[in-house]
């Protein structure tokens, strides 16, 4: 029996290795199935909560050939003399981030949550890295607001990177803005001190 020890050990290790490989492959398949299902579940979650919050999902082309398109959600209707409330999300986020907040805003307010370029379902705008200052121009938000016919000054709310975008937008295009609200904007004193002074 002692003479068979190494062979038995070898066979046991081979059998264990094969079982482990099969189990590993099975787990990998399960993970891939979950990953494939995740976008579908996420979309269902977003659609359900968009409906519950009283918003409708829309899209708006901003170029002649229809290749660049903003995705946004809208609640209420534009009323003369009443500002539209626009919500700008942060980095790696999307328009649905604001659903729990917009849900609690009365229906007689016109609210818009928008996916920034390279985020969410907004498509067709080249993904590049810019400073916040340049990013505001490349966002084409002015084109979006013009196409939406938002000619009266707006309340614009931004979170995280969206807060920096909103502050720069307010400086560059003050005629579009009645009020801004910045939630945890990034603080880069070296770059933004002059801008912060201008905002004040």
Protein backbone atom coordinates (compact mmCIF):
# COMPACT_ATOMS: atom_id res chain seq x y z
CA UNK A 1 0.00 0.00 0.00
CA UNK A 2 2.86 2.34 0.82
CA UNK A 3 4.27 1.72 -2.65
CA UNK A 4 1.05 2.98 -4.20
CA UNK A 5 1.02 6.19 -2.13
CA UNK A 6 2.58 8.55 -4.70
CA UNK A 7 0.38 7.18 -7.51
CA UNK A 8 -2.73 7.54 -5.37
CA UNK A 9 -1.70 11.06 -4.43
CA UNK A 10 -1.10 11.89 -8.11
CA UNK A 11 -4.51 10.50 -9.17
CA UNK A 12 -6.23 12.35 -6.33
CA UNK A 13 -4.56 15.62 -7.26
CA UNK A 14 -5.46 15.13 -10.96
CA UNK A 15 -9.08 14.38 -10.08
CA UNK A 16 -9.22 17.41 -7.77
CA UNK A 17 -7.64 19.56 -10.48
CA UNK A 18 -10.23 18.46 -13.07
CA UNK A 19 -13.11 19.05 -10.65
CA UNK A 20 -11.69 22.46 -9.75
CA UNK A 21 -11.32 23.33 -13.44
CA UNK A 22 -14.91 22.27 -14.16
CA UNK A 23 -16.16 24.23 -11.14
CA UNK A 24 -14.10 27.24 -12.17
CA UNK A 25 -15.52 27.12 -15.71
CA UNK A 26 -19.03 26.80 -14.30
CA UNK A 27 -18.47 29.82 -12.03
CA UNK A 28 -17.02 31.81 -14.93
CA UNK A 29 -20.12 31.00 -17.01
CA UNK A 30 -22.33 32.14 -14.13
CA UNK A 31 -20.38 35.38 -13.80
CA UNK A 32 -20.62 36.00 -17.56
CA UNK A 33 -24.36 35.29 -17.48
CA UNK A 34 -24.76 37.78 -14.63
CA UNK A 35 -22.67 40.37 -16.48
CA UNK A 36 -24.77 39.90 -19.63
CA UNK A 37 -27.96 40.20 -17.61
CA UNK A 38 -26.82 43.23 -15.61
CA UNK A 39 -27.35 45.91 -18.32
CA UNK A 40 -30.85 44.56 -18.93
CA UNK A 41 -31.69 44.61 -15.21
CA UNK A 42 -30.18 48.09 -14.85
CA UNK A 43 -32.29 49.38 -17.74
CA UNK A 44 -35.44 47.88 -16.20
CA UNK A 45 -34.57 49.51 -12.88
CA UNK A 46 -34.01 52.89 -14.53
CA UNK A 47 -37.19 52.70 -16.61
CA UNK A 48 -39.30 51.75 -13.62
CA UNK A 49 -37.89 54.52 -11.43
CA UNK A 50 -38.10 57.08 -14.25
CA UNK A 51 -41.80 56.26 -14.53
CA UNK A 52 -42.28 56.42 -10.74
CA UNK A 53 -40.58 59.82 -10.60
CA UNK A 54 -42.98 61.16 -13.23
CA UNK A 55 -40.33 61.72 -15.90
CA UNK A 56 -40.27 60.79 -19.55
CA UNK A 57 -37.07 59.74 -21.29
CA UNK A 58 -36.33 61.60 -24.51
CA UNK A 59 -33.48 62.23 -26.94
CA UNK A 60 -32.46 65.31 -28.90
CA UNK A 61 -30.21 65.43 -31.96
CA UNK A 62 -27.84 68.39 -31.96
CA UNK A 63 -26.33 68.04 -35.44
CA UNK A 64 -27.67 67.92 -38.99
CA UNK A 65 -26.95 64.24 -39.65
CA UNK A 66 -28.33 62.99 -36.33
CA UNK A 67 -25.13 61.30 -35.14
CA UNK A 68 -24.75 63.39 -31.97
CA UNK A 69 -27.65 62.96 -29.61
CA UNK A 70 -28.33 64.01 -26.03
CA UNK A 71 -30.37 61.65 -23.87
CA UNK A 72 -32.41 63.33 -21.15
CA UNK A 73 -35.42 62.92 -18.89
CA UNK A 74 -38.11 65.56 -18.56
CA UNK A 75 -40.81 66.26 -16.00
CA UNK A 76 -43.51 68.92 -16.29
CA UNK A 77 -43.84 71.48 -19.07
CA UNK A 78 -42.06 74.73 -19.77
CA UNK A 79 -44.05 77.66 -18.38
CA UNK A 80 -43.45 81.27 -19.36
CA UNK A 81 -41.88 83.19 -16.49
CA UNK A 82 -40.92 80.06 -14.56
CA UNK A 83 -37.33 78.79 -14.78
CA UNK A 84 -36.53 75.27 -15.82
CA UNK A 85 -34.57 73.25 -13.24
CA UNK A 86 -31.67 71.40 -14.90
CA UNK A 87 -29.69 68.65 -13.14
CA UNK A 88 -26.09 67.86 -14.17
CA UNK A 89 -24.55 64.60 -12.89
CA UNK A 90 -20.94 63.88 -11.95
CA UNK A 91 -18.15 61.84 -13.52
CA UNK A 92 -19.09 58.26 -14.51
CA UNK A 93 -22.69 58.88 -13.49
CA UNK A 94 -25.88 59.46 -15.49
CA UNK A 95 -29.18 61.32 -15.59
CA UNK A 96 -30.91 58.64 -13.50
CA UNK A 97 -28.81 59.66 -10.48
CA UNK A 98 -31.29 62.48 -9.90
CA UNK A 99 -34.48 60.38 -9.98
CA UNK A 100 -34.97 60.19 -6.17
CA UNK A 101 -34.71 63.99 -5.95
CA UNK A 102 -36.80 64.91 -8.98
CA UNK A 103 -39.47 62.47 -7.82
CA UNK A 104 -40.18 64.79 -4.86
CA UNK A 105 -40.40 68.00 -6.90
CA UNK A 106 -44.00 69.08 -7.65
CA UNK A 107 -45.23 68.38 -11.17
CA UNK A 108 -45.76 72.05 -11.96
CA UNK A 109 -41.98 72.56 -12.10
CA UNK A 110 -40.22 71.89 -15.39
CA UNK A 111 -37.26 69.60 -14.63
CA UNK A 112 -34.60 68.15 -16.92
CA UNK A 113 -31.92 65.59 -16.10
CA UNK A 114 -29.38 65.12 -18.88
CA UNK A 115 -26.65 62.62 -19.71
CA UNK A 116 -23.41 64.46 -20.38
CA UNK A 117 -21.34 63.41 -23.43
CA UNK A 118 -19.56 60.06 -22.96
CA UNK A 119 -22.03 59.23 -20.16
CA UNK A 120 -25.26 57.26 -20.02
CA UNK A 121 -27.17 57.15 -23.29
CA UNK A 122 -25.86 60.35 -24.86
CA UNK A 123 -24.03 59.36 -28.06
CA UNK A 124 -21.92 60.66 -30.91
CA UNK A 125 -19.69 63.17 -29.15
CA UNK A 126 -15.99 62.39 -29.19
CA UNK A 127 -14.60 61.17 -25.89
CA UNK A 128 -11.54 63.23 -25.00
CA UNK A 129 -9.98 64.60 -21.84
CA UNK A 130 -10.28 68.31 -21.23
CA UNK A 131 -9.85 70.69 -18.33
CA UNK A 132 -13.19 71.72 -16.85
CA UNK A 133 -12.83 75.09 -18.56
CA UNK A 134 -12.51 73.52 -22.03
CA UNK A 135 -14.94 70.74 -21.17
CA UNK A 136 -17.82 73.20 -20.82
CA UNK A 137 -17.37 74.28 -24.43
CA UNK A 138 -17.04 70.71 -25.69
CA UNK A 139 -20.16 69.60 -23.80
CA UNK A 140 -22.34 71.47 -26.28
CA UNK A 141 -24.81 72.22 -23.49
CA UNK A 142 -25.50 75.60 -25.08
CA UNK A 143 -26.64 73.84 -28.26
CA UNK A 144 -28.78 71.48 -26.18
CA UNK A 145 -30.41 74.36 -24.27
CA UNK A 146 -31.01 76.31 -27.48
CA UNK A 147 -32.60 73.30 -29.18
CA UNK A 148 -34.79 72.82 -26.10
CA UNK A 149 -35.83 76.48 -26.46
CA UNK A 150 -34.78 77.21 -22.89
CA UNK A 151 -34.40 80.93 -23.44
CA UNK A 152 -35.31 82.05 -19.93
CA UNK A 153 -32.64 81.82 -17.21
CA UNK A 154 -32.50 78.38 -15.61
CA UNK A 155 -31.84 76.93 -12.19
CA UNK A 156 -28.90 74.59 -12.77
CA UNK A 157 -27.85 72.03 -10.17
CA UNK A 158 -24.59 70.08 -10.43
CA UNK A 159 -23.05 67.35 -8.31
CA UNK A 160 -19.36 66.48 -8.04
CA UNK A 161 -17.77 67.11 -11.46
CA UNK A 162 -21.19 68.39 -12.55
CA UNK A 163 -20.80 71.13 -9.94
CA UNK A 164 -17.58 72.29 -11.59
CA UNK A 165 -19.25 72.15 -15.01
CA UNK A 166 -22.19 74.21 -13.76
CA UNK A 167 -19.97 76.87 -12.18
CA UNK A 168 -17.90 77.26 -15.36
CA UNK A 169 -21.04 77.29 -17.48
CA UNK A 170 -22.50 80.08 -15.33
CA UNK A 171 -19.35 82.17 -15.83
CA UNK A 172 -19.19 81.64 -19.58
CA UNK A 173 -22.92 81.90 -20.30
CA UNK A 174 -24.49 84.05 -17.54
CA UNK A 175 -27.56 84.86 -19.65
CA UNK A 176 -28.68 81.24 -19.42
CA UNK A 177 -28.49 81.09 -15.64
CA UNK A 178 -30.73 82.45 -12.90
CA UNK A 179 -29.41 80.33 -10.02
CA UNK A 180 -26.82 77.60 -9.52
CA UNK A 181 -26.55 74.96 -6.81
CA UNK A 182 -23.25 73.10 -6.42
CA UNK A 183 -23.22 69.80 -4.51
CA UNK A 184 -19.73 68.68 -3.44
CA UNK A 185 -17.90 70.22 -6.41
CA UNK A 186 -14.20 69.39 -6.75
CA UNK A 187 -11.90 71.96 -5.17
CA UNK A 188 -8.73 72.64 -7.13
CA UNK A 189 -7.56 75.91 -5.62
CA UNK A 190 -4.53 76.29 -7.88
CA UNK A 191 -6.67 76.19 -11.01
CA UNK A 192 -9.98 77.64 -9.91
CA UNK A 193 -9.22 80.45 -7.47
CA UNK A 194 -9.75 83.16 -10.10
CA UNK A 195 -12.95 81.47 -11.22
CA UNK A 196 -14.26 81.19 -7.67
CA UNK A 197 -13.60 84.89 -7.15
CA UNK A 198 -15.49 85.61 -10.36
CA UNK A 199 -18.45 83.51 -9.16
CA UNK A 200 -18.59 85.42 -5.88
